[in-house]
PDB file of N, CA and C in Angstrom:
ATOM      1  N   MET A   1       0.829  -1.192   0.000  1.00  0.00           N
ATOM      2  CA  MET A   1       0.000   0.000   0.000  1.00  0.00           C
ATOM      3  C   MET A   1       0.868   1.249   0.000  1.00  0.00           C
ATOM      4  N   ASN A   2       1.921   1.248   0.785  1.00  0.00           N
ATOM      5  CA  ASN A   2       2.796   2.418   0.836  1.00  0.00           C
ATOM      6  C   ASN A   2       3.444   2.696  -0.507  1.00  0.00           C
ATOM      7  N   SER A   3       3.779   1.645  -1.239  1.00  0.00           N
ATOM      8  CA  SER A   3       4.413   1.858  -2.541  1.00  0.00           C
ATOM      9  C   SER A   3       3.434   2.514  -3.512  1.00  0.00           C
ATOM     10  N   ALA A   4       2.155   2.162  -3.429  1.00  0.00           N
ATOM     11  CA  ALA A   4       1.147   2.784  -4.296  1.00  0.00           C
ATOM     12  C   ALA A   4       0.974   4.258  -3.951  1.00  0.00           C
ATOM     13  N   ILE A   5       0.962   4.567  -2.677  1.00  0.00           N
ATOM     14  CA  ILE A   5       0.827   5.961  -2.243  1.00  0.00           C
ATOM     15  C   ILE A   5       2.040   6.767  -2.673  1.00  0.00           C
ATOM     16  N   ASN A   6       3.222   6.194  -2.506  1.00  0.00           N
ATOM     17  CA  ASN A   6       4.440   6.894  -2.919  1.00  0.00           C
ATOM     18  C   ASN A   6       4.462   7.133  -4.419  1.00  0.00           C
ATOM     19  N   ARG A   7       4.011   6.144  -5.200  1.00  0.00           N
ATOM     20  CA  ARG A   7       3.975   6.297  -6.664  1.00  0.00           C
ATOM     21  C   ARG A   7       2.986   7.387  -7.060  1.00  0.00           C
ATOM     22  N   GLU A   8       1.841   7.428  -6.391  1.00  0.00           N
ATOM     23  CA  GLU A   8       0.851   8.464  -6.680  1.00  0.00           C
ATOM     24  C   GLU A   8       1.430   9.851  -6.400  1.00  0.00           C
ATOM     25  N   LYS A   9       2.154   9.992  -5.304  1.00  0.00           N
ATOM     26  CA  LYS A   9       2.782  11.274  -4.978  1.00  0.00           C
ATOM     27  C   LYS A   9       3.818  11.661  -6.025  1.00  0.00           C
ATOM     28  N   GLN A  10       4.573  10.667  -6.514  1.00  0.00           N
ATOM     29  CA  GLN A  10       5.558  10.919  -7.570  1.00  0.00           C
ATOM     30  C   GLN A  10       4.879  11.446  -8.823  1.00  0.00           C
ATOM     31  N   ILE A  11       3.802  10.791  -9.217  1.00  0.00           N
ATOM     32  CA  ILE A  11       3.091  11.184 -10.431  1.00  0.00           C
ATOM     33  C   ILE A  11       2.506  12.584 -10.274  1.00  0.00           C
ATOM     34  N   LYS A  12       1.879  12.854  -9.140  1.00  0.00           N
ATOM     35  CA  LYS A  12       1.262  14.162  -8.916  1.00  0.00           C
ATOM     36  C   LYS A  12       2.295  15.278  -8.897  1.00  0.00           C
ATOM     37  N   ALA A  13       3.487  14.993  -8.434  1.00  0.00           N
ATOM     38  CA  ALA A  13       4.540  16.006  -8.358  1.00  0.00           C
ATOM     39  C   ALA A  13       5.243  16.207  -9.697  1.00  0.00           C
ATOM     40  N   GLY A  14       5.008  15.306 -10.639  1.00  0.00           N
ATOM     41  CA  GLY A  14       5.705  15.342 -11.920  1.00  0.00           C
ATOM     42  C   GLY A  14       5.186  16.419 -12.855  1.00  0.00           C
ATOM     43  N   LEU A  15       5.911  16.586 -13.932  1.00  0.00           N
ATOM     44  CA  LEU A  15       5.539  17.549 -14.952  1.00  0.00           C
ATOM     45  C   LEU A  15       4.358  17.037 -15.770  1.00  0.00           C
ATOM     46  N   ARG A  16       3.556  17.962 -16.265  1.00  0.00           N
ATOM     47  CA  ARG A  16       2.376  17.601 -17.061  1.00  0.00           C
ATOM     48  C   ARG A  16       2.759  16.762 -18.280  1.00  0.00           C
ATOM     49  N   ASP A  17       3.835  17.120 -18.963  1.00  0.00           N
ATOM     50  CA  ASP A  17       4.265  16.370 -20.147  1.00  0.00           C
ATOM     51  C   ASP A  17       4.542  14.911 -19.807  1.00  0.00           C
ATOM     52  N   ASN A  18       5.145  14.670 -18.667  1.00  0.00           N
ATOM     53  CA  ASN A  18       5.432  13.291 -18.252  1.00  0.00           C
ATOM     54  C   ASN A  18       4.144  12.523 -17.947  1.00  0.00           C
ATOM     55  N   LYS A  19       3.161  13.211 -17.372  1.00  0.00           N
ATOM     56  CA  LYS A  19       1.877  12.571 -17.081  1.00  0.00           C
ATOM     57  C   LYS A  19       1.172  12.189 -18.380  1.00  0.00           C
ATOM     58  N   ILE A  20       1.227  13.075 -19.351  1.00  0.00           N
ATOM     59  CA  ILE A  20       0.606  12.798 -20.650  1.00  0.00           C
ATOM     60  C   ILE A  20       1.283  11.607 -21.317  1.00  0.00           C
ATOM     61  N   LYS A  21       2.598  11.549 -21.267  1.00  0.00           N
ATOM     62  CA  LYS A  21       3.324  10.415 -21.848  1.00  0.00           C
ATOM     63  C   LYS A  21       2.922   9.110 -21.165  1.00  0.00           C
ATOM     64  N   LEU A  22       2.772   9.140 -19.858  1.00  0.00           N
ATOM     65  CA  LEU A  22       2.376   7.946 -19.108  1.00  0.00           C
ATOM     66  C   LEU A  22       0.982   7.476 -19.536  1.00  0.00           C
ATOM     67  N   ILE A  23       0.060   8.412 -19.687  1.00  0.00           N
ATOM     68  CA  ILE A  23      -1.292   8.069 -20.130  1.00  0.00           C
ATOM     69  C   ILE A  23      -1.256   7.488 -21.536  1.00  0.00           C
ATOM     70  N   GLU A  24      -0.504   8.120 -22.414  1.00  0.00           N
ATOM     71  CA  GLU A  24      -0.462   7.672 -23.804  1.00  0.00           C
ATOM     72  C   GLU A  24       0.181   6.293 -23.954  1.00  0.00           C
ATOM     73  N   GLN A  25       1.034   5.913 -23.047  1.00  0.00           N
ATOM     74  CA  GLN A  25       1.643   4.584 -23.093  1.00  0.00           C
ATOM     75  C   GLN A  25       0.623   3.493 -22.782  1.00  0.00           C
ATOM     76  N   THR A  26      -0.309   3.790 -21.894  1.00  0.00           N
ATOM     77  CA  THR A  26      -1.249   2.766 -21.443  1.00  0.00           C
ATOM     78  C   THR A  26      -2.657   2.928 -22.008  1.00  0.00           C
ATOM     79  N   ASN A  27      -2.987   4.116 -22.502  1.00  0.00           N
ATOM     80  CA  ASN A  27      -4.340   4.398 -22.991  1.00  0.00           C
ATOM     81  C   ASN A  27      -4.227   5.292 -24.219  1.00  0.00           C
ATOM     82  N   ILE A  28      -3.793   4.716 -25.305  1.00  0.00           N
ATOM     83  CA  ILE A  28      -3.470   5.455 -26.523  1.00  0.00           C
ATOM     84  C   ILE A  28      -4.635   6.318 -27.007  1.00  0.00           C
ATOM     85  N   ASN A  29      -5.850   5.814 -26.928  1.00  0.00           N
ATOM     86  CA  ASN A  29      -7.022   6.539 -27.436  1.00  0.00           C
ATOM     87  C   ASN A  29      -7.647   7.483 -26.414  1.00  0.00           C
ATOM     88  N   TRP A  30      -7.072   7.580 -25.240  1.00  0.00           N
ATOM     89  CA  TRP A  30      -7.595   8.413 -24.161  1.00  0.00           C
ATOM     90  C   TRP A  30      -9.043   8.034 -23.837  1.00  0.00           C
ATOM     91  N   ASP A  31      -9.313   6.729 -23.824  1.00  0.00           N
ATOM     92  CA  ASP A  31     -10.652   6.248 -23.495  1.00  0.00           C
ATOM     93  C   ASP A  31     -10.957   6.518 -22.029  1.00  0.00           C
ATOM     94  N   ASP A  32     -12.228   6.806 -21.742  1.00  0.00           N
ATOM     95  CA  ASP A  32     -12.668   6.977 -20.365  1.00  0.00           C
ATOM     96  C   ASP A  32     -12.789   5.588 -19.746  1.00  0.00           C
ATOM     97  N   LEU A  33     -11.954   5.268 -18.786  1.00  0.00           N
ATOM     98  CA  LEU A  33     -11.892   3.929 -18.203  1.00  0.00           C
ATOM     99  C   LEU A  33     -12.652   3.816 -16.883  1.00  0.00           C
ATOM    100  N   TYR A  34     -13.397   4.847 -16.519  1.00  0.00           N
ATOM    101  CA  TYR A  34     -14.090   4.871 -15.234  1.00  0.00           C
ATOM    102  C   TYR A  34     -14.964   3.633 -15.028  1.00  0.00           C
ATOM    103  N   ASN A  35     -15.823   3.333 -15.995  1.00  0.00           N
ATOM    104  CA  ASN A  35     -16.736   2.190 -15.842  1.00  0.00           C
ATOM    105  C   ASN A  35     -15.996   0.867 -15.752  1.00  0.00           C
ATOM    106  N   GLU A  36     -14.879   0.746 -16.413  1.00  0.00           N
ATOM    107  CA  GLU A  36     -14.102  -0.493 -16.356  1.00  0.00           C
ATOM    108  C   GLU A  36     -13.414  -0.673 -15.010  1.00  0.00           C
ATOM    109  N   ILE A  37     -13.073   0.417 -14.374  1.00  0.00           N
ATOM    110  CA  ILE A  37     -12.358   0.355 -13.101  1.00  0.00           C
ATOM    111  C   ILE A  37     -13.329   0.236 -11.929  1.00  0.00           C
ATOM    112  N   ILE A  38     -14.380   1.035 -11.928  1.00  0.00           N
ATOM    113  CA  ILE A  38     -15.293   1.129 -10.791  1.00  0.00           C
ATOM    114  C   ILE A  38     -16.377   0.057 -10.816  1.00  0.00           C
ATOM    115  N   LEU A  39     -16.934  -0.216 -11.964  1.00  0.00           N
ATOM    116  CA  LEU A  39     -18.079  -1.142 -12.030  1.00  0.00           C
ATOM    117  C   LEU A  39     -17.675  -2.559 -12.232  1.00  0.00           C
TER     118      LEU A  39
END
């Protein structure tokens, strides 16, 4: 659990460009994944 929290803090502290690159690596089409994660 601590590693997940630390990773989240790393991502939040990062530059916007790096966040966009991370999203594009895993979600190329920028699909809304809310229903897949929550439901």
